[in-house]
Amino acid sequence: MFQDKKYLIQLYQALHPEDTETTEDELKDITIKNILVDACYNDLGFTVGDKIMILTEAQTREAVTNTINICKDRDVLKEYLESREKEVVDRMMTLFDEEQVMRAYVESERKEAAE
């Protein structure tokens, strides 16, 4: 869906409503494709000028680590991530675990209410 720039610009504008100047032509898709299994390493990656936007569900430690590596390779928070990578990975995994617990709870409540 977001490979089509008309949708990508809408997403960007939703995330950055203060930016009324950016056009579709300024967007560049940088989603990393996995050639071997025809999938993506990150859910969506794009640049807008000098901004790098990476949107991913950090469901696995590998996904979090890959996103951190992309940031470091592109010099985004590089110094911070190099000095605190383990802390960032642990925190992201904790946040994901909390989301999983909340989803499981909501689902169990729905089932209970339906019975």
PDB file of N, CA and C in Angstrom:
ATOM      1  N   MET A   1       0.821  -1.193   0.000  1.00  0.00           N
ATOM      2  CA  MET A   1       0.000   0.000   0.000  1.00  0.00           C
ATOM      3  C   MET A   1       0.868   1.261   0.000  1.00  0.00           C
ATOM      4  N   PHE A   2       1.861   1.301   0.880  1.00  0.00           N
ATOM      5  CA  PHE A   2       2.668   2.514   1.008  1.00  0.00           C
ATOM      6  C   PHE A   2       3.765   2.614  -0.049  1.00  0.00           C
ATOM      7  N   GLN A   3       3.854   1.621  -0.944  1.00  0.00           N
ATOM      8  CA  GLN A   3       4.763   1.768  -2.070  1.00  0.00           C
ATOM      9  C   GLN A   3       4.191   2.816  -3.029  1.00  0.00           C
ATOM     10  N   ASP A   4       2.893   3.057  -2.939  1.00  0.00           N
ATOM     11  CA  ASP A   4       2.239   4.111  -3.715  1.00  0.00           C
ATOM     12  C   ASP A   4       2.401   5.426  -2.948  1.00  0.00           C
ATOM     13  N   LYS A   5       3.091   6.366  -3.566  1.00  0.00           N
ATOM     14  CA  LYS A   5       3.439   7.599  -2.864  1.00  0.00           C
ATOM     15  C   LYS A   5       2.233   8.439  -2.447  1.00  0.00           C
ATOM     16  N   LYS A   6       1.087   8.272  -3.107  1.00  0.00           N
ATOM     17  CA  LYS A   6      -0.085   9.046  -2.694  1.00  0.00           C
ATOM     18  C   LYS A   6      -0.553   8.623  -1.296  1.00  0.00           C
ATOM     19  N   TYR A   7      -0.329   7.350  -0.948  1.00  0.00           N
ATOM     20  CA  TYR A   7      -0.672   6.884   0.392  1.00  0.00           C
ATOM     21  C   TYR A   7       0.458   7.187   1.384  1.00  0.00           C
ATOM     22  N   LEU A   8       1.671   7.083   0.903  1.00  0.00           N
ATOM     23  CA  LEU A   8       2.823   7.359   1.766  1.00  0.00           C
ATOM     24  C   LEU A   8       2.823   8.809   2.239  1.00  0.00           C
ATOM     25  N   ILE A   9       2.476   9.743   1.360  1.00  0.00           N
ATOM     26  CA  ILE A   9       2.428  11.155   1.761  1.00  0.00           C
ATOM     27  C   ILE A   9       1.319  11.373   2.791  1.00  0.00           C
ATOM     28  N   GLN A  10       0.222  10.651   2.663  1.00  0.00           N
ATOM     29  CA  GLN A  10      -0.859  10.777   3.647  1.00  0.00           C
ATOM     30  C   GLN A  10      -0.399  10.278   5.017  1.00  0.00           C
ATOM     31  N   LEU A  11       0.322   9.162   5.027  1.00  0.00           N
ATOM     32  CA  LEU A  11       0.864   8.647   6.286  1.00  0.00           C
ATOM     33  C   LEU A  11       1.826   9.655   6.893  1.00  0.00           C
ATOM     34  N   TYR A  12       2.736  10.155   6.075  1.00  0.00           N
ATOM     35  CA  TYR A  12       3.716  11.126   6.569  1.00  0.00           C
ATOM     36  C   TYR A  12       3.017  12.354   7.140  1.00  0.00           C
ATOM     37  N   GLN A  13       2.016  12.870   6.442  1.00  0.00           N
ATOM     38  CA  GLN A  13       1.303  14.060   6.912  1.00  0.00           C
ATOM     39  C   GLN A  13       0.537  13.788   8.206  1.00  0.00           C
ATOM     40  N   ALA A  14       0.058  12.544   8.381  1.00  0.00           N
ATOM     41  CA  ALA A  14      -0.605  12.187   9.640  1.00  0.00           C
ATOM     42  C   ALA A  14       0.389  12.173  10.795  1.00  0.00           C
ATOM     43  N   LEU A  15       1.618  11.732  10.507  1.00  0.00           N
ATOM     44  CA  LEU A  15       2.654  11.688  11.543  1.00  0.00           C
ATOM     45  C   LEU A  15       3.275  13.058  11.794  1.00  0.00           C
ATOM     46  N   HIS A  16       3.303  13.896  10.768  1.00  0.00           N
ATOM     47  CA  HIS A  16       3.918  15.227  10.866  1.00  0.00           C
ATOM     48  C   HIS A  16       2.995  16.296  10.283  1.00  0.00           C
ATOM     49  N   PRO A  17       1.871  16.579  10.962  1.00  0.00           N
ATOM     50  CA  PRO A  17       0.930  17.563  10.417  1.00  0.00           C
ATOM     51  C   PRO A  17       1.513  18.979  10.326  1.00  0.00           C
ATOM     52  N   GLU A  18       2.583  19.228  11.054  1.00  0.00           N
ATOM     53  CA  GLU A  18       3.212  20.551  11.011  1.00  0.00           C
ATOM     54  C   GLU A  18       3.948  20.795   9.698  1.00  0.00           C
ATOM     55  N   ASP A  19       4.261  19.733   8.971  1.00  0.00           N
ATOM     56  CA  ASP A  19       4.999  19.849   7.710  1.00  0.00           C
ATOM     57  C   ASP A  19       3.993  19.927   6.561  1.00  0.00           C
ATOM     58  N   THR A  20       3.725  21.132   6.096  1.00  0.00           N
ATOM     59  CA  THR A  20       2.764  21.328   5.008  1.00  0.00           C
ATOM     60  C   THR A  20       3.452  21.532   3.664  1.00  0.00           C
ATOM     61  N   GLU A  21       4.778  21.454   3.647  1.00  0.00           N
ATOM     62  CA  GLU A  21       5.551  21.740   2.443  1.00  0.00           C
ATOM     63  C   GLU A  21       5.975  20.497   1.663  1.00  0.00           C
ATOM     64  N   THR A  22       6.129  19.362   2.333  1.00  0.00           N
ATOM     65  CA  THR A  22       6.654  18.160   1.689  1.00  0.00           C
ATOM     66  C   THR A  22       5.695  17.646   0.620  1.00  0.00           C
ATOM     67  N   THR A  23       6.265  17.206  -0.502  1.00  0.00           N
ATOM     68  CA  THR A  23       5.480  16.655  -1.612  1.00  0.00           C
ATOM     69  C   THR A  23       5.830  15.177  -1.817  1.00  0.00           C
ATOM     70  N   GLU A  24       5.023  14.500  -2.617  1.00  0.00           N
ATOM     71  CA  GLU A  24       5.266  13.086  -2.921  1.00  0.00           C
ATOM     72  C   GLU A  24       6.647  12.874  -3.520  1.00  0.00           C
ATOM     73  N   ASP A  25       7.106  13.820  -4.328  1.00  0.00           N
ATOM     74  CA  ASP A  25       8.401  13.684  -4.995  1.00  0.00           C
ATOM     75  C   ASP A  25       9.566  13.634  -4.022  1.00  0.00           C
ATOM     76  N   GLU A  26       9.372  14.125  -2.805  1.00  0.00           N
ATOM     77  CA  GLU A  26      10.446  14.159  -1.810  1.00  0.00           C
ATOM     78  C   GLU A  26      10.532  12.879  -0.990  1.00  0.00           C
ATOM     79  N   LEU A  27       9.605  11.951  -1.199  1.00  0.00           N
ATOM     80  CA  LEU A  27       9.576  10.696  -0.457  1.00  0.00           C
ATOM     81  C   LEU A  27      10.373   9.639  -1.200  1.00  0.00           C
ATOM     82  N   LYS A  28      11.147   8.864  -0.459  1.00  0.00           N
ATOM     83  CA  LYS A  28      11.915   7.773  -1.060  1.00  0.00           C
ATOM     84  C   LYS A  28      11.727   6.521  -0.208  1.00  0.00           C
ATOM     85  N   ASP A  29      11.252   5.461  -0.832  1.00  0.00           N
ATOM     86  CA  ASP A  29      11.044   4.178  -0.142  1.00  0.00           C
ATOM     87  C   ASP A  29      12.394   3.534   0.137  1.00  0.00           C
ATOM     88  N   ILE A  30      12.650   3.209   1.407  1.00  0.00           N
ATOM     89  CA  ILE A  30      13.883   2.512   1.775  1.00  0.00           C
ATOM     90  C   ILE A  30      13.576   1.228   2.539  1.00  0.00           C
ATOM     91  N   THR A  31      12.363   0.694   2.337  1.00  0.00           N
ATOM     92  CA  THR A  31      11.998  -0.565   2.966  1.00  0.00           C
ATOM     93  C   THR A  31      12.977  -1.633   2.505  1.00  0.00           C
ATOM     94  N   ILE A  32      13.531  -2.374   3.443  1.00  0.00           N
ATOM     95  CA  ILE A  32      14.537  -3.383   3.123  1.00  0.00           C
ATOM     96  C   ILE A  32      13.841  -4.692   2.796  1.00  0.00           C
ATOM     97  N   LYS A  33      14.054  -5.169   1.600  1.00  0.00           N
ATOM     98  CA  LYS A  33      13.436  -6.408   1.135  1.00  0.00           C
ATOM     99  C   LYS A  33      14.354  -7.591   1.435  1.00  0.00           C
ATOM    100  N   ASN A  34      13.761  -8.713   1.749  1.00  0.00           N
ATOM    101  CA  ASN A  34      14.505  -9.960   1.923  1.00  0.00           C
ATOM    102  C   ASN A  34      14.321 -10.769   0.653  1.00  0.00           C
ATOM    103  N   ILE A  35      15.337 -10.848  -0.146  1.00  0.00           N
ATOM    104  CA  ILE A  35      15.252 -11.502  -1.447  1.00  0.00           C
ATOM    105  C   ILE A  35      14.945 -12.994  -1.322  1.00  0.00           C
ATOM    106  N   LEU A  36      15.491 -13.667  -0.326  1.00  0.00           N
ATOM    107  CA  LEU A  36      15.358 -15.119  -0.220  1.00  0.00           C
ATOM    108  C   LEU A  36      13.937 -15.579   0.081  1.00  0.00           C
ATOM    109  N   VAL A  37      13.204 -14.828   0.904  1.00  0.00           N
ATOM    110  CA  VAL A  37      11.862 -15.265   1.256  1.00  0.00           C
ATOM    111  C   VAL A  37      10.784 -14.294   0.797  1.00  0.00           C
ATOM    112  N   ASP A  38      11.139 -13.317  -0.031  1.00  0.00           N
ATOM    113  CA  ASP A  38      10.179 -12.379  -0.596  1.00  0.00           C
ATOM    114  C   ASP A  38       9.363 -11.689   0.497  1.00  0.00           C
ATOM    115  N   ALA A  39      10.040 -11.198   1.491  1.00  0.00           N
ATOM    116  CA  ALA A  39       9.392 -10.481   2.578  1.00  0.00           C
ATOM    117  C   ALA A  39      10.209  -9.225   2.878  1.00  0.00           C
ATOM    118  N   CYS A  40       9.775  -8.481   3.879  1.00  0.00           N
ATOM    119  CA  CYS A  40      10.484  -7.255   4.247  1.00  0.00           C
ATOM    120  C   CYS A  40      11.193  -7.451   5.574  1.00  0.00           C
ATOM    121  N   TYR A  41      12.364  -6.838   5.704  1.00  0.00           N
ATOM    122  CA  TYR A  41      13.067  -6.853   6.983  1.00  0.00           C
ATOM    123  C   TYR A  41      12.409  -5.886   7.948  1.00  0.00           C
ATOM    124  N   ASN A  42      11.971  -4.740   7.447  1.00  0.00           N
ATOM    125  CA  ASN A  42      11.228  -3.804   8.271  1.00  0.00           C
ATOM    126  C   ASN A  42       9.897  -3.562   7.573  1.00  0.00           C
ATOM    127  N   ASP A  43       8.873  -3.228   8.324  1.00  0.00           N
ATOM    128  CA  ASP A  43       7.552  -3.092   7.746  1.00  0.00           C
ATOM    129  C   ASP A  43       7.485  -1.953   6.736  1.00  0.00           C
ATOM    130  N   LEU A  44       8.090  -0.830   7.061  1.00  0.00           N
ATOM    131  CA  LEU A  44       8.069   0.314   6.162  1.00  0.00           C
ATOM    132  C   LEU A  44       9.217   1.237   6.520  1.00  0.00           C
ATOM    133  N   GLY A  45       9.947   1.630   5.526  1.00  0.00           N
ATOM    134  CA  GLY A  45      11.019   2.597   5.720  1.00  0.00           C
ATOM    135  C   GLY A  45      10.991   3.588   4.582  1.00  0.00           C
ATOM    136  N   PHE A  46      11.106   4.877   4.906  1.00  0.00           N
ATOM    137  CA  PHE A  46      11.170   5.884   3.862  1.00  0.00           C
ATOM    138  C   PHE A  46      11.896   7.112   4.380  1.00  0.00           C
ATOM    139  N   THR A  47      12.393   7.893   3.433  1.00  0.00           N
ATOM    140  CA  THR A  47      13.039   9.148   3.797  1.00  0.00           C
ATOM    141  C   THR A  47      12.208  10.302   3.285  1.00  0.00           C
ATOM    142  N   VAL A  48      12.308  11.396   4.024  1.00  0.00           N
ATOM    143  CA  VAL A  48      11.700  12.661   3.642  1.00  0.00           C
ATOM    144  C   VAL A  48      12.776  13.703   3.887  1.00  0.00           C
ATOM    145  N   GLY A  49      13.401  14.162   2.824  1.00  0.00           N
ATOM    146  CA  GLY A  49      14.522  15.071   2.998  1.00  0.00           C
ATOM    147  C   GLY A  49      15.607  14.367   3.786  1.00  0.00           C
ATOM    148  N   ASP A  50      15.996  14.954   4.918  1.00  0.00           N
ATOM    149  CA  ASP A  50      17.030  14.337   5.748  1.00  0.00           C
ATOM    150  C   ASP A  50      16.460  13.500   6.890  1.00  0.00           C
ATOM    151  N   LYS A  51      15.135  13.307   6.917  1.00  0.00           N
ATOM    152  CA  LYS A  51      14.492  12.488   7.951  1.00  0.00           C
ATOM    153  C   LYS A  51      14.392  11.049   7.469  1.00  0.00           C
ATOM    154  N   ILE A  52      14.645  10.128   8.371  1.00  0.00           N
ATOM    155  CA  ILE A  52      14.457   8.705   8.082  1.00  0.00           C
ATOM    156  C   ILE A  52      13.304   8.212   8.941  1.00  0.00           C
ATOM    157  N   MET A  53      12.305   7.644   8.308  1.00  0.00           N
ATOM    158  CA  MET A  53      11.132   7.130   9.009  1.00  0.00           C
ATOM    159  C   MET A  53      11.139   5.611   8.874  1.00  0.00           C
ATOM    160  N   ILE A  54      11.217   4.910   9.990  1.00  0.00           N
ATOM    161  CA  ILE A  54      11.156   3.451   9.967  1.00  0.00           C
ATOM    162  C   ILE A  54      10.022   3.042  10.894  1.00  0.00           C
ATOM    163  N   LEU A  55       9.030   2.405  10.321  1.00  0.00           N
ATOM    164  CA  LEU A  55       7.871   1.967  11.083  1.00  0.00           C
ATOM    165  C   LEU A  55       7.868   0.442  11.065  1.00  0.00           C
ATOM    166  N   THR A  56       7.928  -0.133  12.226  1.00  0.00           N
ATOM    167  CA  THR A  56       7.996  -1.584  12.317  1.00  0.00           C
ATOM    168  C   THR A  56       7.340  -2.050  13.606  1.00  0.00           C
ATOM    169  N   GLU A  57       6.789  -3.222  13.565  1.00  0.00           N
ATOM    170  CA  GLU A  57       6.342  -3.867  14.786  1.00  0.00           C
ATOM    171  C   GLU A  57       7.534  -4.641  15.308  1.00  0.00           C
ATOM    172  N   ALA A  58       7.974  -4.277  16.456  1.00  0.00           N
ATOM    173  CA  ALA A  58       9.157  -4.926  17.029  1.00  0.00           C
ATOM    174  C   ALA A  58       8.736  -6.214  17.718  1.00  0.00           C
ATOM    175  N   GLN A  59       8.380  -7.203  16.920  1.00  0.00           N
ATOM    176  CA  GLN A  59       7.888  -8.452  17.472  1.00  0.00           C
ATOM    177  C   GLN A  59       8.999  -9.405  17.852  1.00  0.00           C
ATOM    178  N   THR A  60      10.166  -9.186  17.320  1.00  0.00           N
ATOM    179  CA  THR A  60      11.259 -10.078  17.648  1.00  0.00           C
ATOM    180  C   THR A  60      12.502  -9.265  17.976  1.00  0.00           C
ATOM    181  N   ARG A  61      13.345  -9.865  18.720  1.00  0.00           N
ATOM    182  CA  ARG A  61      14.629  -9.223  19.051  1.00  0.00           C
ATOM    183  C   ARG A  61      15.387  -8.911  17.759  1.00  0.00           C
ATOM    184  N   GLU A  62      15.279  -9.797  16.770  1.00  0.00           N
ATOM    185  CA  GLU A  62      15.958  -9.584  15.487  1.00  0.00           C
ATOM    186  C   GLU A  62      15.438  -8.327  14.780  1.00  0.00           C
ATOM    187  N   ALA A  63      14.118  -8.105  14.806  1.00  0.00           N
ATOM    188  CA  ALA A  63      13.544  -6.919  14.164  1.00  0.00           C
ATOM    189  C   ALA A  63      14.042  -5.646  14.839  1.00  0.00           C
ATOM    190  N   VAL A  64      14.100  -5.668  16.160  1.00  0.00           N
ATOM    191  CA  VAL A  64      14.593  -4.501  16.896  1.00  0.00           C
ATOM    192  C   VAL A  64      16.063  -4.262  16.566  1.00  0.00           C
ATOM    193  N   THR A  65      16.850  -5.316  16.579  1.00  0.00           N
ATOM    194  CA  THR A  65      18.279  -5.197  16.285  1.00  0.00           C
ATOM    195  C   THR A  65      18.504  -4.703  14.859  1.00  0.00           C
ATOM    196  N   ASN A  66      17.739  -5.219  13.906  1.00  0.00           N
ATOM    197  CA  ASN A  66      17.859  -4.758  12.517  1.00  0.00           C
ATOM    198  C   ASN A  66      17.541  -3.273  12.398  1.00  0.00           C
ATOM    199  N   THR A  67      16.510  -2.829  13.068  1.00  0.00           N
ATOM    200  CA  THR A  67      16.137  -1.408  13.024  1.00  0.00           C
ATOM    201  C   THR A  67      17.242  -0.555  13.637  1.00  0.00           C
ATOM    202  N   ILE A  68      17.800  -0.998  14.741  1.00  0.00           N
ATOM    203  CA  ILE A  68      18.904  -0.265  15.370  1.00  0.00           C
ATOM    204  C   ILE A  68      20.104  -0.209  14.427  1.00  0.00           C
ATOM    205  N   ASN A  69      20.413  -1.323  13.766  1.00  0.00           N
ATOM    206  CA  ASN A  69      21.533  -1.341  12.821  1.00  0.00           C
ATOM    207  C   ASN A  69      21.310  -0.385  11.657  1.00  0.00           C
ATOM    208  N   ILE A  70      20.079  -0.323  11.158  1.00  0.00           N
ATOM    209  CA  ILE A  70      19.761   0.617  10.084  1.00  0.00           C
ATOM    210  C   ILE A  70      20.004   2.045  10.560  1.00  0.00           C
ATOM    211  N   CYS A  71      19.551   2.344  11.748  1.00  0.00           N
ATOM    212  CA  CYS A  71      19.751   3.691  12.301  1.00  0.00           C
ATOM    213  C   CYS A  71      21.235   4.013  12.442  1.00  0.00           C
ATOM    214  N   LYS A  72      21.989   3.070  12.985  1.00  0.00           N
ATOM    215  CA  LYS A  72      23.431   3.308  13.150  1.00  0.00           C
ATOM    216  C   LYS A  72      24.122   3.460  11.793  1.00  0.00           C
ATOM    217  N   ASP A  73      23.749   2.636  10.822  1.00  0.00           N
ATOM    218  CA  ASP A  73      24.352   2.730   9.487  1.00  0.00           C
ATOM    219  C   ASP A  73      24.074   4.076   8.837  1.00  0.00           C
ATOM    220  N   ARG A  74      22.940   4.668   9.158  1.00  0.00           N
ATOM    221  CA  ARG A  74      22.568   5.950   8.558  1.00  0.00           C
ATOM    222  C   ARG A  74      22.871   7.126   9.484  1.00  0.00           C
ATOM    223  N   ASP A  75      23.633   6.834  10.544  1.00  0.00           N
ATOM    224  CA  ASP A  75      24.071   7.860  11.486  1.00  0.00           C
ATOM    225  C   ASP A  75      22.908   8.552  12.196  1.00  0.00           C
ATOM    226  N   VAL A  76      21.855   7.776  12.487  1.00  0.00           N
ATOM    227  CA  VAL A  76      20.705   8.284  13.238  1.00  0.00           C
ATOM    228  C   VAL A  76      20.853   7.797  14.673  1.00  0.00           C
ATOM    229  N   LEU A  77      21.065   8.690  15.589  1.00  0.00           N
ATOM    230  CA  LEU A  77      21.269   8.356  17.005  1.00  0.00           C
ATOM    231  C   LEU A  77      22.407   7.353  17.188  1.00  0.00           C
ATOM    232  N   LYS A  78      23.361   7.377  16.276  1.00  0.00           N
ATOM    233  CA  LYS A  78      24.427   6.368  16.253  1.00  0.00           C
ATOM    234  C   LYS A  78      25.180   6.278  17.579  1.00  0.00           C
ATOM    235  N   GLU A  79      25.632   7.405  18.071  1.00  0.00           N
ATOM    236  CA  GLU A  79      26.421   7.402  19.308  1.00  0.00           C
ATOM    237  C   GLU A  79      25.600   6.850  20.471  1.00  0.00           C
ATOM    238  N   TYR A  80      24.344   7.297  20.567  1.00  0.00           N
ATOM    239  CA  TYR A  80      23.469   6.830  21.645  1.00  0.00           C
ATOM    240  C   TYR A  80      23.226   5.322  21.519  1.00  0.00           C
ATOM    241  N   LEU A  81      22.890   4.875  20.314  1.00  0.00           N
ATOM    242  CA  LEU A  81      22.589   3.455  20.110  1.00  0.00           C
ATOM    243  C   LEU A  81      23.806   2.569  20.324  1.00  0.00           C
ATOM    244  N   GLU A  82      24.977   3.041  19.941  1.00  0.00           N
ATOM    245  CA  GLU A  82      26.182   2.243  20.171  1.00  0.00           C
ATOM    246  C   GLU A  82      26.476   2.097  21.656  1.00  0.00           C
ATOM    247  N   SER A  83      26.201   3.127  22.416  1.00  0.00           N
ATOM    248  CA  SER A  83      26.505   3.060  23.845  1.00  0.00           C
ATOM    249  C   SER A  83      25.403   2.381  24.663  1.00  0.00           C
ATOM    250  N   ARG A  84      24.182   2.309  24.111  1.00  0.00           N
ATOM    251  CA  ARG A  84      23.054   1.770  24.888  1.00  0.00           C
ATOM    252  C   ARG A  84      22.220   0.756  24.114  1.00  0.00           C
ATOM    253  N   GLU A  85      22.816   0.083  23.163  1.00  0.00           N
ATOM    254  CA  GLU A  85      22.046  -0.823  22.312  1.00  0.00           C
ATOM    255  C   GLU A  85      21.307  -1.893  23.113  1.00  0.00           C
ATOM    256  N   LYS A  86      21.983  -2.543  24.037  1.00  0.00           N
ATOM    257  CA  LYS A  86      21.337  -3.597  24.818  1.00  0.00           C
ATOM    258  C   LYS A  86      20.148  -3.038  25.599  1.00  0.00           C
ATOM    259  N   GLU A  87      20.319  -1.858  26.183  1.00  0.00           N
ATOM    260  CA  GLU A  87      19.234  -1.217  26.938  1.00  0.00           C
ATOM    261  C   GLU A  87      18.037  -0.918  26.024  1.00  0.00           C
ATOM    262  N   VAL A  88      18.301  -0.411  24.828  1.00  0.00           N
ATOM    263  CA  VAL A  88      17.224  -0.090  23.887  1.00  0.00           C
ATOM    264  C   VAL A  88      16.503  -1.368  23.452  1.00  0.00           C
ATOM    265  N   VAL A  89      17.249  -2.407  23.125  1.00  0.00           N
ATOM    266  CA  VAL A  89      16.643  -3.681  22.715  1.00  0.00           C
ATOM    267  C   VAL A  89      15.796  -4.239  23.848  1.00  0.00           C
ATOM    268  N   ASP A  90      16.330  -4.256  25.051  1.00  0.00           N
ATOM    269  CA  ASP A  90      15.583  -4.784  26.201  1.00  0.00           C
ATOM    270  C   ASP A  90      14.297  -3.997  26.427  1.00  0.00           C
ATOM    271  N   ARG A  91      14.367  -2.688  26.317  1.00  0.00           N
ATOM    272  CA  ARG A  91      13.191  -1.842  26.547  1.00  0.00           C
ATOM    273  C   ARG A  91      12.127  -2.088  25.475  1.00  0.00           C
ATOM    274  N   MET A  92      12.575  -2.191  24.227  1.00  0.00           N
ATOM    275  CA  MET A  92      11.621  -2.438  23.142  1.00  0.00           C
ATOM    276  C   MET A  92      10.952  -3.797  23.301  1.00  0.00           C
ATOM    277  N   MET A  93      11.714  -4.786  23.719  1.00  0.00           N
ATOM    278  CA  MET A  93      11.136  -6.112  23.923  1.00  0.00           C
ATOM    279  C   MET A  93      10.165  -6.100  25.097  1.00  0.00           C
ATOM    280  N   THR A  94      10.479  -5.339  26.133  1.00  0.00           N
ATOM    281  CA  THR A  94       9.570  -5.203  27.273  1.00  0.00           C
ATOM    282  C   THR A  94       8.273  -4.546  26.839  1.00  0.00           C
ATOM    283  N   LEU A  95       8.371  -3.493  26.021  1.00  0.00           N
ATOM    284  CA  LEU A  95       7.167  -2.826  25.530  1.00  0.00           C
ATOM    285  C   LEU A  95       6.324  -3.782  24.705  1.00  0.00           C
ATOM    286  N   PHE A  96       6.977  -4.582  23.863  1.00  0.00           N
ATOM    287  CA  PHE A  96       6.238  -5.548  23.062  1.00  0.00           C
ATOM    288  C   PHE A  96       5.561  -6.575  23.957  1.00  0.00           C
ATOM    289  N   ASP A  97       6.275  -7.081  24.960  1.00  0.00           N
ATOM    290  CA  ASP A  97       5.698  -8.053  25.886  1.00  0.00           C
ATOM    291  C   ASP A  97       4.476  -7.476  26.590  1.00  0.00           C
ATOM    292  N   GLU A  98       4.553  -6.194  26.986  1.00  0.00           N
ATOM    293  CA  GLU A  98       3.416  -5.549  27.639  1.00  0.00           C
ATOM    294  C   GLU A  98       2.225  -5.459  26.693  1.00  0.00           C
ATOM    295  N   GLU A  99       2.477  -5.158  25.421  1.00  0.00           N
ATOM    296  CA  GLU A  99       1.399  -5.113  24.438  1.00  0.00           C
ATOM    297  C   GLU A  99       0.775  -6.485  24.259  1.00  0.00           C
ATOM    298  N   GLN A 100       1.610  -7.524  24.216  1.00  0.00           N
ATOM    299  CA  GLN A 100       1.110  -8.889  24.067  1.00  0.00           C
ATOM    300  C   GLN A 100       0.213  -9.264  25.248  1.00  0.00           C
ATOM    301  N   VAL A 101       0.649  -8.938  26.446  1.00  0.00           N
ATOM    302  CA  VAL A 101      -0.139  -9.239  27.639  1.00  0.00           C
ATOM    303  C   VAL A 101      -1.478  -8.511  27.583  1.00  0.00           C
ATOM    304  N   MET A 102      -1.454  -7.236  27.182  1.00  0.00           N
ATOM    305  CA  MET A 102      -2.692  -6.458  27.113  1.00  0.00           C
ATOM    306  C   MET A 102      -3.640  -7.036  26.051  1.00  0.00           C
ATOM    307  N   ARG A 103      -3.105  -7.425  24.897  1.00  0.00           N
ATOM    308  CA  ARG A 103      -3.951  -8.031  23.861  1.00  0.00           C
ATOM    309  C   ARG A 103      -4.557  -9.336  24.338  1.00  0.00           C
ATOM    310  N   ALA A 104      -3.774 -10.152  25.018  1.00  0.00           N
ATOM    311  CA  ALA A 104      -4.278 -11.424  25.539  1.00  0.00           C
ATOM    312  C   ALA A 104      -5.379 -11.174  26.570  1.00  0.00           C
ATOM    313  N   TYR A 105      -5.177 -10.178  27.414  1.00  0.00           N
ATOM    314  CA  TYR A 105      -6.180  -9.843  28.429  1.00  0.00           C
ATOM    315  C   TYR A 105      -7.487  -9.389  27.773  1.00  0.00           C
ATOM    316  N   VAL A 106      -7.381  -8.486  26.810  1.00  0.00           N
ATOM    317  CA  VAL A 106      -8.572  -7.978  26.124  1.00  0.00           C
ATOM    318  C   VAL A 106      -9.304  -9.122  25.429  1.00  0.00           C
ATOM    319  N   GLU A 107      -8.558  -9.998  24.771  1.00  0.00           N
ATOM    320  CA  GLU A 107      -9.177 -11.138  24.097  1.00  0.00           C
ATOM    321  C   GLU A 107      -9.880 -12.062  25.086  1.00  0.00           C
ATOM    322  N   SER A 108      -9.255 -12.311  26.232  1.00  0.00           N
ATOM    323  CA  SER A 108      -9.899 -13.173  27.226  1.00  0.00           C
ATOM    324  C   SER A 108     -11.163 -12.511  27.784  1.00  0.00           C
ATOM    325  N   GLU A 109     -11.145 -11.209  27.953  1.00  0.00           N
ATOM    326  CA  GLU A 109     -12.325 -10.473  28.429  1.00  0.00           C
ATOM    327  C   GLU A 109     -13.451 -10.559  27.401  1.00  0.00           C
ATOM    328  N   ARG A 110     -13.114 -10.436  26.131  1.00  0.00           N
ATOM    329  CA  ARG A 110     -14.129 -10.546  25.061  1.00  0.00           C
ATOM    330  C   ARG A 110     -14.771 -11.921  25.082  1.00  0.00           C
ATOM    331  N   LYS A 111     -13.937 -12.964  25.182  1.00  0.00           N
ATOM    332  CA  LYS A 111     -14.476 -14.327  25.214  1.00  0.00           C
ATOM    333  C   LYS A 111     -15.367 -14.539  26.418  1.00  0.00           C
ATOM    334  N   GLU A 112     -14.924 -14.016  27.550  1.00  0.00           N
ATOM    335  CA  GLU A 112     -15.711 -14.169  28.786  1.00  0.00           C
ATOM    336  C   GLU A 112     -17.046 -13.451  28.670  1.00  0.00           C
ATOM    337  N   ALA A 113     -17.035 -12.256  28.065  1.00  0.00           N
ATOM    338  CA  ALA A 113     -18.269 -11.483  27.902  1.00  0.00           C
ATOM    339  C   ALA A 113     -19.221 -12.161  26.923  1.00  0.00           C
ATOM    340  N   ALA A 114     -18.667 -12.845  25.941  1.00  0.00           N
ATOM    341  CA  ALA A 114     -19.494 -13.523  24.951  1.00  0.00           C
ATOM    342  C   ALA A 114     -20.173 -14.775  25.513  1.00  0.00           C
ATOM    343  N   GLU A 115     -19.610 -15.340  26.567  1.00  0.00           N
ATOM    344  CA  GLU A 115     -20.156 -16.591  27.145  1.00  0.00           C
ATOM    345  C   GLU A 115     -21.282 -16.341  28.067  1.00  0.00           C
TER     346      GLU A 115
END
